[in-house]
Amino acid sequence: MSNVLDVVEGVAEALAETGEDGQIIKTVRTRDPSNPTRMITVTTTYNARMYFDSPRAGYVAQGVSVQRNATLYVDWLSLVDVATGLPANSIVNGEPVFNVVTSQDDVAVRANGTRLTLLVNIGTNINGVTVMGQHEVAS
């Protein structure tokens, strides 16, 4: 068992205990296979376990301005495609396989219905593998 698996399982356990159920909505633009000159938009919704870290004030420029940041943590092993009911990611031969990860411009819908746009992923990296979604968010 690698350090990566230890951390991924730790994330899943921590968010199972402290997080909330929500959804991740991914929208991808891709070429139409039947007409390569045309672009199509594919939207997929995933149920997910996540934790919202409330906004905190940070003072910049010697306290002249206040910057408020909020962070959303997402357990990638918890992603389940709403349409098919199948998990998006799994553990294979003792290693996590992430087929779907959260990324910038995805939309997270919290348990209370609040919609948040994910900014760049700053998730934890272990042995060169990013093991969770950790995003600053914009509402």
Protein backbone atom coordinates (compact mmCIF):
# COMPACT_ATOMS: atom_id res chain seq x y z
CA MET A 1 0.00 0.00 0.00
CA SER A 2 1.44 3.34 -1.00
CA ASN A 3 1.41 6.68 0.76
CA VAL A 4 -0.98 7.86 -1.97
CA LEU A 5 -3.60 5.27 -1.03
CA ASP A 6 -3.19 6.08 2.67
CA VAL A 7 -3.90 9.76 2.01
CA VAL A 8 -6.81 9.07 -0.38
CA GLU A 9 -8.43 6.78 2.19
CA GLY A 10 -7.77 9.36 4.92
CA VAL A 11 -9.49 12.05 2.84
CA ALA A 12 -12.48 9.76 2.28
CA GLU A 13 -12.73 8.98 5.99
CA ALA A 14 -12.36 12.60 7.10
CA LEU A 15 -14.96 13.92 4.66
CA ALA A 16 -17.33 11.05 5.48
CA GLU A 17 -17.28 12.20 9.10
CA THR A 18 -17.20 15.97 8.70
CA GLY A 19 -18.42 16.78 5.20
CA GLU A 20 -21.74 17.10 3.43
CA ASP A 21 -23.33 15.47 0.41
CA GLY A 22 -23.41 17.62 -2.68
CA GLN A 23 -23.01 17.53 -6.42
CA ILE A 24 -20.30 18.42 -8.92
CA ILE A 25 -21.47 19.57 -12.33
CA LYS A 26 -18.83 19.23 -15.05
CA THR A 27 -19.34 20.85 -18.44
CA VAL A 28 -16.99 19.85 -21.24
CA ARG A 29 -16.92 21.16 -24.79
CA THR A 30 -15.78 18.58 -27.31
CA ARG A 31 -15.95 17.91 -31.02
CA ASP A 32 -19.03 16.14 -32.35
CA PRO A 33 -17.83 12.68 -33.47
CA SER A 34 -20.28 12.66 -36.38
CA ASN A 35 -19.33 16.20 -37.49
CA PRO A 36 -15.80 17.19 -36.39
CA THR A 37 -16.30 20.85 -37.37
CA ARG A 38 -19.08 21.21 -34.80
CA MET A 39 -18.54 21.56 -31.04
CA ILE A 40 -20.96 20.00 -28.56
CA THR A 41 -21.37 20.64 -24.85
CA VAL A 42 -21.60 17.64 -22.53
CA THR A 43 -22.74 18.21 -18.94
CA THR A 44 -22.35 15.44 -16.39
CA THR A 45 -23.49 15.60 -12.77
CA TYR A 46 -21.80 13.65 -9.99
CA ASN A 47 -22.86 13.11 -6.40
CA ALA A 48 -19.90 13.82 -4.12
CA ARG A 49 -18.80 14.12 -0.53
CA MET A 50 -17.36 17.56 0.17
CA TYR A 51 -16.42 19.96 2.92
CA PHE A 52 -16.87 23.72 2.71
CA ASP A 53 -14.41 25.81 4.70
CA SER A 54 -16.19 29.10 5.39
CA PRO A 55 -14.68 32.35 4.10
CA ARG A 56 -11.84 33.78 6.13
CA ALA A 57 -10.59 37.33 5.97
CA GLY A 58 -6.98 37.93 5.04
CA TYR A 59 -5.44 41.36 5.15
CA VAL A 60 -3.27 42.48 2.26
CA ALA A 61 -1.33 45.71 1.59
CA GLN A 62 -0.61 46.46 5.26
CA GLY A 63 -4.23 45.85 6.25
CA VAL A 64 -5.67 48.36 3.79
CA SER A 65 -7.80 45.82 1.95
CA VAL A 66 -9.46 42.59 3.02
CA GLN A 67 -9.41 39.49 0.88
CA ARG A 68 -11.99 36.81 1.68
CA ASN A 69 -11.26 33.24 0.64
CA ALA A 70 -13.36 30.12 0.99
CA THR A 71 -12.19 26.62 0.17
CA LEU A 72 -14.07 23.51 -0.94
CA TYR A 73 -12.55 20.05 -0.40
CA VAL A 74 -13.85 17.18 -2.56
CA ASP A 75 -13.30 13.44 -2.05
CA TRP A 76 -12.66 12.15 -5.57
CA LEU A 77 -13.37 8.54 -4.55
CA SER A 78 -16.93 9.60 -3.65
CA LEU A 79 -17.81 10.83 -7.17
CA VAL A 80 -20.79 8.87 -8.52
CA ASP A 81 -22.32 9.63 -11.93
CA VAL A 82 -25.95 10.61 -11.29
CA ALA A 83 -27.14 9.28 -14.68
CA THR A 84 -25.59 5.81 -14.40
CA GLY A 85 -25.19 5.39 -10.63
CA LEU A 86 -21.62 4.19 -11.20
CA PRO A 87 -18.58 5.44 -9.31
CA ALA A 88 -16.31 7.62 -11.44
CA ASN A 89 -13.11 6.63 -9.64
CA SER A 90 -11.85 3.51 -7.92
CA ILE A 91 -8.93 1.72 -6.33
CA VAL A 92 -7.23 -0.80 -8.61
CA ASN A 93 -4.42 -3.07 -7.38
CA GLY A 94 -3.98 -0.92 -4.28
CA GLU A 95 -3.68 2.38 -6.18
CA PRO A 96 -6.35 5.05 -6.78
CA VAL A 97 -7.45 5.50 -10.38
CA PHE A 98 -8.98 8.93 -10.98
CA ASN A 99 -10.95 8.99 -14.23
CA VAL A 100 -12.86 12.12 -13.19
CA VAL A 101 -11.43 14.92 -11.07
CA THR A 102 -12.75 18.33 -10.14
CA SER A 103 -11.31 21.22 -12.08
CA GLN A 104 -11.58 24.95 -12.58
CA ASP A 105 -15.02 26.14 -13.77
CA ASP A 106 -16.85 23.07 -12.45
CA VAL A 107 -19.87 23.95 -10.34
CA ALA A 108 -20.36 22.51 -6.87
CA VAL A 109 -23.85 22.41 -5.40
CA ARG A 110 -23.79 22.21 -1.61
CA ALA A 111 -26.36 20.33 0.47
CA ASN A 112 -28.15 23.64 1.17
CA GLY A 113 -28.44 24.37 -2.58
CA THR A 114 -25.71 27.00 -2.74
CA ARG A 115 -23.89 26.91 -6.09
CA LEU A 116 -20.15 27.57 -6.09
CA THR A 117 -17.82 27.86 -9.08
CA LEU A 118 -14.55 26.03 -8.51
CA LEU A 119 -11.32 27.89 -9.10
CA VAL A 120 -7.96 26.27 -9.82
CA ASN A 121 -7.28 23.01 -7.94
CA ILE A 122 -4.69 23.40 -5.20
CA GLY A 123 -5.21 19.85 -3.92
CA THR A 124 -2.72 17.87 -1.89
CA ASN A 125 0.00 16.22 -3.96
CA ILE A 126 1.60 13.01 -2.64
CA ASN A 127 4.41 11.34 -4.61
CA GLY A 128 3.41 13.30 -7.71
CA VAL A 129 -0.28 12.35 -7.50
CA THR A 130 -2.97 14.89 -6.63
CA VAL A 131 -5.23 13.03 -4.21
CA MET A 132 -8.21 15.30 -3.66
CA GLY A 133 -9.99 18.36 -4.95
CA GLN A 134 -9.11 21.46 -2.97
CA HIS A 135 -10.44 24.59 -4.61
CA GLU A 136 -10.91 28.19 -3.71
CA VAL A 137 -14.47 28.96 -4.70
CA ALA A 138 -16.45 31.85 -6.12
CA SER A 139 -20.19 32.14 -5.56
